[in-house]
Amino acid sequence: MSTSRKDIVYAVVDLWPIPERVQDVKKLLYDTIIEAKKEQTCLKYELCENVNESSQITLLQAWSTVQALDQHLTSEIINKASKELRPLLSKPTEIRRYKNIG
């Protein structure tokens, strides 16, 4: 089944690690990304650092459908990572979803 551009959903996930735990957060995210990229419906999964605020890390994701993103966000790998990340972050993770409109 091919994915049309209008079906693709993008997720922007912002995380704010405790300064002395940044490397731990990155390691955990690298491991999570490796597993997420194995999902057939994953089109993109990138780890980025804010150029103006290095204490902010962002995941840029693209999924074939909203349902694919929902499945990913409730998957075992994400549940496990979320539990491990929570004590390493200075504030709650923010997740925003976007769709292509043009």
PDB file of N, CA and C in Angstrom:
ATOM      1  N   MET A   1       0.841  -1.173   0.000  1.00  0.00           N
ATOM      2  CA  MET A   1       0.000   0.000   0.000  1.00  0.00           C
ATOM      3  C   MET A   1       0.888   1.239   0.000  1.00  0.00           C
ATOM      4  N   SER A   2       0.674   2.141  -0.924  1.00  0.00           N
ATOM      5  CA  SER A   2       1.495   3.338  -0.972  1.00  0.00           C
ATOM      6  C   SER A   2       0.855   4.427  -0.112  1.00  0.00           C
ATOM      7  N   THR A   3       1.717   5.303   0.383  1.00  0.00           N
ATOM      8  CA  THR A   3       1.272   6.395   1.237  1.00  0.00           C
ATOM      9  C   THR A   3       1.191   7.665   0.415  1.00  0.00           C
ATOM     10  N   SER A   4       0.064   8.348   0.514  1.00  0.00           N
ATOM     11  CA  SER A   4      -0.059   9.622  -0.172  1.00  0.00           C
ATOM     12  C   SER A   4       0.439  10.721   0.779  1.00  0.00           C
ATOM     13  N   ARG A   5       0.902  11.812   0.218  1.00  0.00           N
ATOM     14  CA  ARG A   5       1.423  12.915   1.037  1.00  0.00           C
ATOM     15  C   ARG A   5       0.401  13.418   2.033  1.00  0.00           C
ATOM     16  N   LYS A   6      -0.876  13.389   1.648  1.00  0.00           N
ATOM     17  CA  LYS A   6      -1.907  13.900   2.558  1.00  0.00           C
ATOM     18  C   LYS A   6      -2.128  12.978   3.760  1.00  0.00           C
ATOM     19  N   ASP A   7      -1.703  11.724   3.668  1.00  0.00           N
ATOM     20  CA  ASP A   7      -1.853  10.785   4.782  1.00  0.00           C
ATOM     21  C   ASP A   7      -0.718  10.889   5.799  1.00  0.00           C
ATOM     22  N   ILE A   8       0.421  11.412   5.366  1.00  0.00           N
ATOM     23  CA  ILE A   8       1.596  11.461   6.231  1.00  0.00           C
ATOM     24  C   ILE A   8       1.338  12.410   7.396  1.00  0.00           C
ATOM     25  N   VAL A   9       1.722  11.968   8.585  1.00  0.00           N
ATOM     26  CA  VAL A   9       1.625  12.808   9.781  1.00  0.00           C
ATOM     27  C   VAL A   9       3.042  13.006  10.327  1.00  0.00           C
ATOM     28  N   TYR A  10       3.295  14.230  10.746  1.00  0.00           N
ATOM     29  CA  TYR A  10       4.604  14.597  11.288  1.00  0.00           C
ATOM     30  C   TYR A  10       4.466  14.829  12.779  1.00  0.00           C
ATOM     31  N   ALA A  11       5.450  14.406  13.520  1.00  0.00           N
ATOM     32  CA  ALA A  11       5.461  14.640  14.959  1.00  0.00           C
ATOM     33  C   ALA A  11       6.745  15.380  15.306  1.00  0.00           C
ATOM     34  N   VAL A  12       6.602  16.383  16.140  1.00  0.00           N
ATOM     35  CA  VAL A  12       7.733  17.126  16.685  1.00  0.00           C
ATOM     36  C   VAL A  12       7.680  16.914  18.194  1.00  0.00           C
ATOM     37  N   VAL A  13       8.703  16.275  18.716  1.00  0.00           N
ATOM     38  CA  VAL A  13       8.738  15.922  20.131  1.00  0.00           C
ATOM     39  C   VAL A  13       9.892  16.683  20.781  1.00  0.00           C
ATOM     40  N   ASP A  14       9.555  17.579  21.703  1.00  0.00           N
ATOM     41  CA  ASP A  14      10.562  18.391  22.385  1.00  0.00           C
ATOM     42  C   ASP A  14      10.819  17.842  23.783  1.00  0.00           C
ATOM     43  N   LEU A  15      12.110  17.715  24.109  1.00  0.00           N
ATOM     44  CA  LEU A  15      12.526  17.225  25.419  1.00  0.00           C
ATOM     45  C   LEU A  15      13.569  18.179  25.998  1.00  0.00           C
ATOM     46  N   TRP A  16      13.541  18.331  27.316  1.00  0.00           N
ATOM     47  CA  TRP A  16      14.480  19.207  28.008  1.00  0.00           C
ATOM     48  C   TRP A  16      15.198  18.408  29.093  1.00  0.00           C
ATOM     49  N   PRO A  17      16.352  17.837  28.747  1.00  0.00           N
ATOM     50  CA  PRO A  17      17.093  17.047  29.734  1.00  0.00           C
ATOM     51  C   PRO A  17      17.632  17.928  30.871  1.00  0.00           C
ATOM     52  N   ILE A  18      17.745  17.322  32.049  1.00  0.00           N
ATOM     53  CA  ILE A  18      18.480  17.955  33.138  1.00  0.00           C
ATOM     54  C   ILE A  18      19.908  18.109  32.615  1.00  0.00           C
ATOM     55  N   PRO A  19      20.527  19.300  32.774  1.00  0.00           N
ATOM     56  CA  PRO A  19      21.836  19.548  32.140  1.00  0.00           C
ATOM     57  C   PRO A  19      22.876  18.451  32.335  1.00  0.00           C
ATOM     58  N   GLU A  20      22.990  17.918  33.531  1.00  0.00           N
ATOM     59  CA  GLU A  20      24.012  16.895  33.759  1.00  0.00           C
ATOM     60  C   GLU A  20      23.605  15.506  33.270  1.00  0.00           C
ATOM     61  N   ARG A  21      22.413  15.393  32.700  1.00  0.00           N
ATOM     62  CA  ARG A  21      21.929  14.104  32.192  1.00  0.00           C
ATOM     63  C   ARG A  21      21.735  14.091  30.674  1.00  0.00           C
ATOM     64  N   VAL A  22      22.209  15.131  29.990  1.00  0.00           N
ATOM     65  CA  VAL A  22      22.017  15.249  28.538  1.00  0.00           C
ATOM     66  C   VAL A  22      22.551  14.019  27.802  1.00  0.00           C
ATOM     67  N   GLN A  23      23.744  13.569  28.136  1.00  0.00           N
ATOM     68  CA  GLN A  23      24.329  12.423  27.433  1.00  0.00           C
ATOM     69  C   GLN A  23      23.526  11.148  27.673  1.00  0.00           C
ATOM     70  N   ASP A  24      22.997  10.987  28.879  1.00  0.00           N
ATOM     71  CA  ASP A  24      22.148   9.820  29.178  1.00  0.00           C
ATOM     72  C   ASP A  24      20.875   9.850  28.336  1.00  0.00           C
ATOM     73  N   VAL A  25      20.295  11.042  28.211  1.00  0.00           N
ATOM     74  CA  VAL A  25      19.076  11.191  27.406  1.00  0.00           C
ATOM     75  C   VAL A  25      19.378  10.873  25.945  1.00  0.00           C
ATOM     76  N   LYS A  26      20.456  11.429  25.422  1.00  0.00           N
ATOM     77  CA  LYS A  26      20.815  11.166  24.020  1.00  0.00           C
ATOM     78  C   LYS A  26      21.036   9.680  23.774  1.00  0.00           C
ATOM     79  N   LYS A  27      21.723   8.992  24.668  1.00  0.00           N
ATOM     80  CA  LYS A  27      21.986   7.555  24.504  1.00  0.00           C
ATOM     81  C   LYS A  27      20.676   6.777  24.468  1.00  0.00           C
ATOM     82  N   LEU A  28      19.783   7.102  25.394  1.00  0.00           N
ATOM     83  CA  LEU A  28      18.490   6.432  25.425  1.00  0.00           C
ATOM     84  C   LEU A  28      17.700   6.691  24.149  1.00  0.00           C
ATOM     85  N   LEU A  29      17.738   7.924  23.659  1.00  0.00           N
ATOM     86  CA  LEU A  29      17.029   8.264  22.423  1.00  0.00           C
ATOM     87  C   LEU A  29      17.653   7.588  21.207  1.00  0.00           C
ATOM     88  N   TYR A  30      18.994   7.526  21.139  1.00  0.00           N
ATOM     89  CA  TYR A  30      19.645   6.833  20.021  1.00  0.00           C
ATOM     90  C   TYR A  30      19.156   5.385  19.949  1.00  0.00           C
ATOM     91  N   ASP A  31      19.132   4.723  21.102  1.00  0.00           N
ATOM     92  CA  ASP A  31      18.687   3.318  21.133  1.00  0.00           C
ATOM     93  C   ASP A  31      17.223   3.192  20.702  1.00  0.00           C
ATOM     94  N   THR A  32      16.397   4.118  21.151  1.00  0.00           N
ATOM     95  CA  THR A  32      14.975   4.098  20.802  1.00  0.00           C
ATOM     96  C   THR A  32      14.778   4.334  19.304  1.00  0.00           C
ATOM     97  N   ILE A  33      15.534   5.260  18.754  1.00  0.00           N
ATOM     98  CA  ILE A  33      15.424   5.588  17.324  1.00  0.00           C
ATOM     99  C   ILE A  33      15.774   4.380  16.460  1.00  0.00           C
ATOM    100  N   ILE A  34      16.803   3.659  16.842  1.00  0.00           N
ATOM    101  CA  ILE A  34      17.193   2.469  16.077  1.00  0.00           C
ATOM    102  C   ILE A  34      16.014   1.509  15.963  1.00  0.00           C
ATOM    103  N   GLU A  35      15.308   1.304  17.077  1.00  0.00           N
ATOM    104  CA  GLU A  35      14.153   0.399  17.068  1.00  0.00           C
ATOM    105  C   GLU A  35      12.987   0.997  16.289  1.00  0.00           C
ATOM    106  N   ALA A  36      12.736   2.283  16.465  1.00  0.00           N
ATOM    107  CA  ALA A  36      11.598   2.925  15.784  1.00  0.00           C
ATOM    108  C   ALA A  36      11.761   2.883  14.270  1.00  0.00           C
ATOM    109  N   LYS A  37      12.973   3.061  13.795  1.00  0.00           N
ATOM    110  CA  LYS A  37      13.207   3.063  12.352  1.00  0.00           C
ATOM    111  C   LYS A  37      12.948   1.700  11.710  1.00  0.00           C
ATOM    112  N   LYS A  38      12.859   0.669  12.520  1.00  0.00           N
ATOM    113  CA  LYS A  38      12.541  -0.662  12.002  1.00  0.00           C
ATOM    114  C   LYS A  38      11.059  -0.808  11.686  1.00  0.00           C
ATOM    115  N   GLU A  39      10.235   0.090  12.231  1.00  0.00           N
ATOM    116  CA  GLU A  39       8.801   0.024  11.990  1.00  0.00           C
ATOM    117  C   GLU A  39       8.521   0.388  10.536  1.00  0.00           C
ATOM    118  N   GLN A  40       7.756  -0.442   9.858  1.00  0.00           N
ATOM    119  CA  GLN A  40       7.477  -0.272   8.430  1.00  0.00           C
ATOM    120  C   GLN A  40       6.811   1.064   8.122  1.00  0.00           C
ATOM    121  N   THR A  41       6.027   1.573   9.041  1.00  0.00           N
ATOM    122  CA  THR A  41       5.286   2.821   8.813  1.00  0.00           C
ATOM    123  C   THR A  41       6.084   4.070   9.176  1.00  0.00           C
ATOM    124  N   CYS A  42       7.303   3.896   9.654  1.00  0.00           N
ATOM    125  CA  CYS A  42       8.168   5.027   9.998  1.00  0.00           C
ATOM    126  C   CYS A  42       8.848   5.539   8.729  1.00  0.00           C
ATOM    127  N   LEU A  43       8.621   6.801   8.404  1.00  0.00           N
ATOM    128  CA  LEU A  43       9.215   7.398   7.211  1.00  0.00           C
ATOM    129  C   LEU A  43      10.450   8.233   7.540  1.00  0.00           C
ATOM    130  N   LYS A  44      10.486   8.779   8.755  1.00  0.00           N
ATOM    131  CA  LYS A  44      11.620   9.599   9.186  1.00  0.00           C
ATOM    132  C   LYS A  44      11.638   9.639  10.706  1.00  0.00           C
ATOM    133  N   TYR A  45      12.842   9.642  11.277  1.00  0.00           N
ATOM    134  CA  TYR A  45      12.991   9.719  12.733  1.00  0.00           C
ATOM    135  C   TYR A  45      14.377  10.305  12.981  1.00  0.00           C
ATOM    136  N   GLU A  46      14.437  11.558  13.332  1.00  0.00           N
ATOM    137  CA  GLU A  46      15.718  12.236  13.494  1.00  0.00           C
ATOM    138  C   GLU A  46      15.829  12.885  14.864  1.00  0.00           C
ATOM    139  N   LEU A  47      17.022  12.864  15.421  1.00  0.00           N
ATOM    140  CA  LEU A  47      17.311  13.497  16.697  1.00  0.00           C
ATOM    141  C   LEU A  47      18.050  14.797  16.423  1.00  0.00           C
ATOM    142  N   CYS A  48      17.520  15.904  16.939  1.00  0.00           N
ATOM    143  CA  CYS A  48      18.095  17.224  16.683  1.00  0.00           C
ATOM    144  C   CYS A  48      18.321  17.956  18.000  1.00  0.00           C
ATOM    145  N   GLU A  49      19.270  18.879  17.961  1.00  0.00           N
ATOM    146  CA  GLU A  49      19.556  19.719  19.121  1.00  0.00           C
ATOM    147  C   GLU A  49      19.317  21.163  18.734  1.00  0.00           C
ATOM    148  N   ASN A  50      18.648  21.916  19.585  1.00  0.00           N
ATOM    149  CA  ASN A  50      18.360  23.324  19.342  1.00  0.00           C
ATOM    150  C   ASN A  50      19.687  24.087  19.261  1.00  0.00           C
ATOM    151  N   VAL A  51      19.923  24.803  18.158  1.00  0.00           N
ATOM    152  CA  VAL A  51      21.196  25.515  17.979  1.00  0.00           C
ATOM    153  C   VAL A  51      21.336  26.696  18.932  1.00  0.00           C
ATOM    154  N   ASN A  52      20.233  27.204  19.452  1.00  0.00           N
ATOM    155  CA  ASN A  52      20.275  28.337  20.380  1.00  0.00           C
ATOM    156  C   ASN A  52      20.128  27.932  21.840  1.00  0.00           C
ATOM    157  N   GLU A  53      19.726  26.700  22.070  1.00  0.00           N
ATOM    158  CA  GLU A  53      19.511  26.211  23.432  1.00  0.00           C
ATOM    159  C   GLU A  53      19.848  24.723  23.465  1.00  0.00           C
ATOM    160  N   SER A  54      21.121  24.419  23.710  1.00  0.00           N
ATOM    161  CA  SER A  54      21.579  23.028  23.617  1.00  0.00           C
ATOM    162  C   SER A  54      20.926  22.118  24.652  1.00  0.00           C
ATOM    163  N   SER A  55      20.226  22.680  25.620  1.00  0.00           N
ATOM    164  CA  SER A  55      19.534  21.849  26.604  1.00  0.00           C
ATOM    165  C   SER A  55      18.174  21.374  26.094  1.00  0.00           C
ATOM    166  N   GLN A  56      17.837  21.722  24.853  1.00  0.00           N
ATOM    167  CA  GLN A  56      16.587  21.246  24.259  1.00  0.00           C
ATOM    168  C   GLN A  56      16.911  20.274  23.134  1.00  0.00           C
ATOM    169  N   ILE A  57      16.289  19.120  23.182  1.00  0.00           N
ATOM    170  CA  ILE A  57      16.458  18.091  22.161  1.00  0.00           C
ATOM    171  C   ILE A  57      15.095  17.877  21.502  1.00  0.00           C
ATOM    172  N   THR A  58      15.104  17.708  20.195  1.00  0.00           N
ATOM    173  CA  THR A  58      13.854  17.519  19.458  1.00  0.00           C
ATOM    174  C   THR A  58      13.952  16.284  18.575  1.00  0.00           C
ATOM    175  N   LEU A  59      12.899  15.510  18.579  1.00  0.00           N
ATOM    176  CA  LEU A  59      12.759  14.393  17.654  1.00  0.00           C
ATOM    177  C   LEU A  59      11.841  14.856  16.533  1.00  0.00           C
ATOM    178  N   LEU A  60      12.290  14.706  15.297  1.00  0.00           N
ATOM    179  CA  LEU A  60      11.466  15.008  14.126  1.00  0.00           C
ATOM    180  C   LEU A  60      11.089  13.679  13.493  1.00  0.00           C
ATOM    181  N   GLN A  61       9.790  13.449  13.390  1.00  0.00           N
ATOM    182  CA  GLN A  61       9.309  12.165  12.904  1.00  0.00           C
ATOM    183  C   GLN A  61       8.299  12.346  11.786  1.00  0.00           C
ATOM    184  N   ALA A  62       8.252  11.372  10.888  1.00  0.00           N
ATOM    185  CA  ALA A  62       7.206  11.303   9.868  1.00  0.00           C
ATOM    186  C   ALA A  62       6.699   9.868   9.851  1.00  0.00           C
ATOM    187  N   TRP A  63       5.357   9.744   9.850  1.00  0.00           N
ATOM    188  CA  TRP A  63       4.699   8.441   9.870  1.00  0.00           C
ATOM    189  C   TRP A  63       3.706   8.364   8.735  1.00  0.00           C
ATOM    190  N   SER A  64       3.463   7.169   8.244  1.00  0.00           N
ATOM    191  CA  SER A  64       2.615   6.996   7.062  1.00  0.00           C
ATOM    192  C   SER A  64       1.171   7.426   7.288  1.00  0.00           C
ATOM    193  N   THR A  65       0.681   7.315   8.526  1.00  0.00           N
ATOM    194  CA  THR A  65      -0.705   7.707   8.845  1.00  0.00           C
ATOM    195  C   THR A  65      -0.776   8.128  10.308  1.00  0.00           C
ATOM    196  N   VAL A  66      -1.878   8.752  10.674  1.00  0.00           N
ATOM    197  CA  VAL A  66      -2.119   9.099  12.080  1.00  0.00           C
ATOM    198  C   VAL A  66      -2.145   7.828  12.923  1.00  0.00           C
ATOM    199  N   GLN A  67      -2.767   6.786  12.394  1.00  0.00           N
ATOM    200  CA  GLN A  67      -2.849   5.524  13.123  1.00  0.00           C
ATOM    201  C   GLN A  67      -1.457   4.937  13.371  1.00  0.00           C
ATOM    202  N   ALA A  68      -0.562   5.079  12.412  1.00  0.00           N
ATOM    203  CA  ALA A  68       0.806   4.581  12.580  1.00  0.00           C
ATOM    204  C   ALA A  68       1.514   5.318  13.714  1.00  0.00           C
ATOM    205  N   LEU A  69       1.345   6.634  13.755  1.00  0.00           N
ATOM    206  CA  LEU A  69       1.944   7.415  14.839  1.00  0.00           C
ATOM    207  C   LEU A  69       1.339   7.007  16.175  1.00  0.00           C
ATOM    208  N   ASP A  70       0.025   6.871  16.225  1.00  0.00           N
ATOM    209  CA  ASP A  70      -0.637   6.461  17.469  1.00  0.00           C
ATOM    210  C   ASP A  70      -0.116   5.108  17.954  1.00  0.00           C
ATOM    211  N   GLN A  71       0.039   4.169  17.034  1.00  0.00           N
ATOM    212  CA  GLN A  71       0.572   2.850  17.403  1.00  0.00           C
ATOM    213  C   GLN A  71       1.983   2.982  17.953  1.00  0.00           C
ATOM    214  N   HIS A  72       2.790   3.814  17.307  1.00  0.00           N
ATOM    215  CA  HIS A  72       4.168   4.012  17.757  1.00  0.00           C
ATOM    216  C   HIS A  72       4.197   4.601  19.168  1.00  0.00           C
ATOM    217  N   LEU A  73       3.378   5.629  19.392  1.00  0.00           N
ATOM    218  CA  LEU A  73       3.387   6.323  20.681  1.00  0.00           C
ATOM    219  C   LEU A  73       2.894   5.447  21.835  1.00  0.00           C
ATOM    220  N   THR A  74       2.178   4.383  21.527  1.00  0.00           N
ATOM    221  CA  THR A  74       1.709   3.470  22.573  1.00  0.00           C
ATOM    222  C   THR A  74       2.463   2.138  22.559  1.00  0.00           C
ATOM    223  N   SER A  75       3.529   2.072  21.767  1.00  0.00           N
ATOM    224  CA  SER A  75       4.300   0.833  21.647  1.00  0.00           C
ATOM    225  C   SER A  75       5.123   0.563  22.910  1.00  0.00           C
ATOM    226  N   GLU A  76       5.537  -0.672  23.050  1.00  0.00           N
ATOM    227  CA  GLU A  76       6.354  -1.074  24.195  1.00  0.00           C
ATOM    228  C   GLU A  76       7.658  -0.276  24.251  1.00  0.00           C
ATOM    229  N   ILE A  77       8.298  -0.072  23.108  1.00  0.00           N
ATOM    230  CA  ILE A  77       9.574   0.647  23.084  1.00  0.00           C
ATOM    231  C   ILE A  77       9.409   2.089  23.580  1.00  0.00           C
ATOM    232  N   ILE A  78       8.323   2.742  23.207  1.00  0.00           N
ATOM    233  CA  ILE A  78       8.102   4.125  23.640  1.00  0.00           C
ATOM    234  C   ILE A  78       7.676   4.174  25.101  1.00  0.00           C
ATOM    235  N   ASN A  79       6.846   3.244  25.527  1.00  0.00           N
ATOM    236  CA  ASN A  79       6.467   3.200  26.943  1.00  0.00           C
ATOM    237  C   ASN A  79       7.687   3.000  27.831  1.00  0.00           C
ATOM    238  N   LYS A  80       8.571   2.110  27.429  1.00  0.00           N
ATOM    239  CA  LYS A  80       9.799   1.845  28.192  1.00  0.00           C
ATOM    240  C   LYS A  80      10.696   3.083  28.201  1.00  0.00           C
ATOM    241  N   ALA A  81      10.897   3.689  27.043  1.00  0.00           N
ATOM    242  CA  ALA A  81      11.748   4.876  26.955  1.00  0.00           C
ATOM    243  C   ALA A  81      11.170   6.026  27.775  1.00  0.00           C
ATOM    244  N   SER A  82       9.864   6.209  27.723  1.00  0.00           N
ATOM    245  CA  SER A  82       9.221   7.294  28.475  1.00  0.00           C
ATOM    246  C   SER A  82       9.460   7.144  29.971  1.00  0.00           C
ATOM    247  N   LYS A  83       9.320   5.934  30.473  1.00  0.00           N
ATOM    248  CA  LYS A  83       9.552   5.689  31.898  1.00  0.00           C
ATOM    249  C   LYS A  83      10.999   5.981  32.278  1.00  0.00           C
ATOM    250  N   GLU A  84      11.932   5.592  31.412  1.00  0.00           N
ATOM    251  CA  GLU A  84      13.346   5.809  31.699  1.00  0.00           C
ATOM    252  C   GLU A  84      13.734   7.289  31.549  1.00  0.00           C
ATOM    253  N   LEU A  85      13.070   7.988  30.632  1.00  0.00           N
ATOM    254  CA  LEU A  85      13.388   9.399  30.395  1.00  0.00           C
ATOM    255  C   LEU A  85      12.853  10.328  31.484  1.00  0.00           C
ATOM    256  N   ARG A  86      11.684  10.017  32.004  1.00  0.00           N
ATOM    257  CA  ARG A  86      10.987  10.928  32.928  1.00  0.00           C
ATOM    258  C   ARG A  86      11.898  11.514  34.010  1.00  0.00           C
ATOM    259  N   PRO A  87      12.682  10.725  34.736  1.00  0.00           N
ATOM    260  CA  PRO A  87      13.516  11.313  35.793  1.00  0.00           C
ATOM    261  C   PRO A  87      14.744  12.079  35.264  1.00  0.00           C
ATOM    262  N   LEU A  88      14.997  11.984  33.958  1.00  0.00           N
ATOM    263  CA  LEU A  88      16.159  12.652  33.363  1.00  0.00           C
ATOM    264  C   LEU A  88      15.808  14.006  32.756  1.00  0.00           C
ATOM    265  N   LEU A  89      14.533  14.375  32.798  1.00  0.00           N
ATOM    266  CA  LEU A  89      14.060  15.596  32.146  1.00  0.00           C
ATOM    267  C   LEU A  89      13.706  16.666  33.174  1.00  0.00           C
ATOM    268  N   SER A  90      13.952  17.922  32.794  1.00  0.00           N
ATOM    269  CA  SER A  90      13.659  19.041  33.695  1.00  0.00           C
ATOM    270  C   SER A  90      12.211  19.510  33.597  1.00  0.00           C
ATOM    271  N   LYS A  91      11.516  19.112  32.525  1.00  0.00           N
ATOM    272  CA  LYS A  91      10.091  19.425  32.390  1.00  0.00           C
ATOM    273  C   LYS A  91       9.458  18.396  31.459  1.00  0.00           C
ATOM    274  N   PRO A  92       8.134  18.335  31.434  1.00  0.00           N
ATOM    275  CA  PRO A  92       7.463  17.310  30.622  1.00  0.00           C
ATOM    276  C   PRO A  92       7.746  17.450  29.120  1.00  0.00           C
ATOM    277  N   THR A  93       7.749  16.319  28.466  1.00  0.00           N
ATOM    278  CA  THR A  93       7.917  16.251  27.016  1.00  0.00           C
ATOM    279  C   THR A  93       6.700  16.869  26.335  1.00  0.00           C
ATOM    280  N   GLU A  94       6.935  17.585  25.248  1.00  0.00           N
ATOM    281  CA  GLU A  94       5.845  18.151  24.453  1.00  0.00           C
ATOM    282  C   GLU A  94       5.820  17.469  23.094  1.00  0.00           C
ATOM    283  N   ILE A  95       4.642  17.044  22.669  1.00  0.00           N
ATOM    284  CA  ILE A  95       4.465  16.388  21.367  1.00  0.00           C
ATOM    285  C   ILE A  95       3.448  17.181  20.569  1.00  0.00           C
ATOM    286  N   ARG A  96       3.854  17.584  19.366  1.00  0.00           N
ATOM    287  CA  ARG A  96       2.944  18.269  18.454  1.00  0.00           C
ATOM    288  C   ARG A  96       2.846  17.453  17.175  1.00  0.00           C
ATOM    289  N   ARG A  97       1.654  17.427  16.594  1.00  0.00           N
ATOM    290  CA  ARG A  97       1.398  16.679  15.359  1.00  0.00           C
ATOM    291  C   ARG A  97       1.073  17.656  14.241  1.00  0.00           C
ATOM    292  N   TYR A  98       1.529  17.327  13.050  1.00  0.00           N
ATOM    293  CA  TYR A  98       1.276  18.166  11.881  1.00  0.00           C
ATOM    294  C   TYR A  98       0.866  17.293  10.711  1.00  0.00           C
ATOM    295  N   LYS A  99       0.072  17.874   9.805  1.00  0.00           N
ATOM    296  CA  LYS A  99      -0.272  17.191   8.564  1.00  0.00           C
ATOM    297  C   LYS A  99       0.102  18.109   7.410  1.00  0.00           C
ATOM    298  N   ASN A 100       0.321  17.512   6.278  1.00  0.00           N
ATOM    299  CA  ASN A 100       0.676  18.261   5.071  1.00  0.00           C
ATOM    300  C   ASN A 100      -0.581  18.895   4.490  1.00  0.00           C
ATOM    301  N   ILE A 101      -0.527  20.198   4.246  1.00  0.00           N
ATOM    302  CA  ILE A 101      -1.696  20.876   3.663  1.00  0.00           C
ATOM    303  C   ILE A 101      -1.376  21.512   2.316  1.00  0.00           C
ATOM    304  N   GLY A 102      -0.198  21.233   1.796  1.00  0.00           N
ATOM    305  CA  GLY A 102       0.072  21.831   0.497  1.00  0.00           C
ATOM    306  C   GLY A 102       1.403  21.562  -0.072  1.00  0.00           C
TER     307      GLY A 102
END
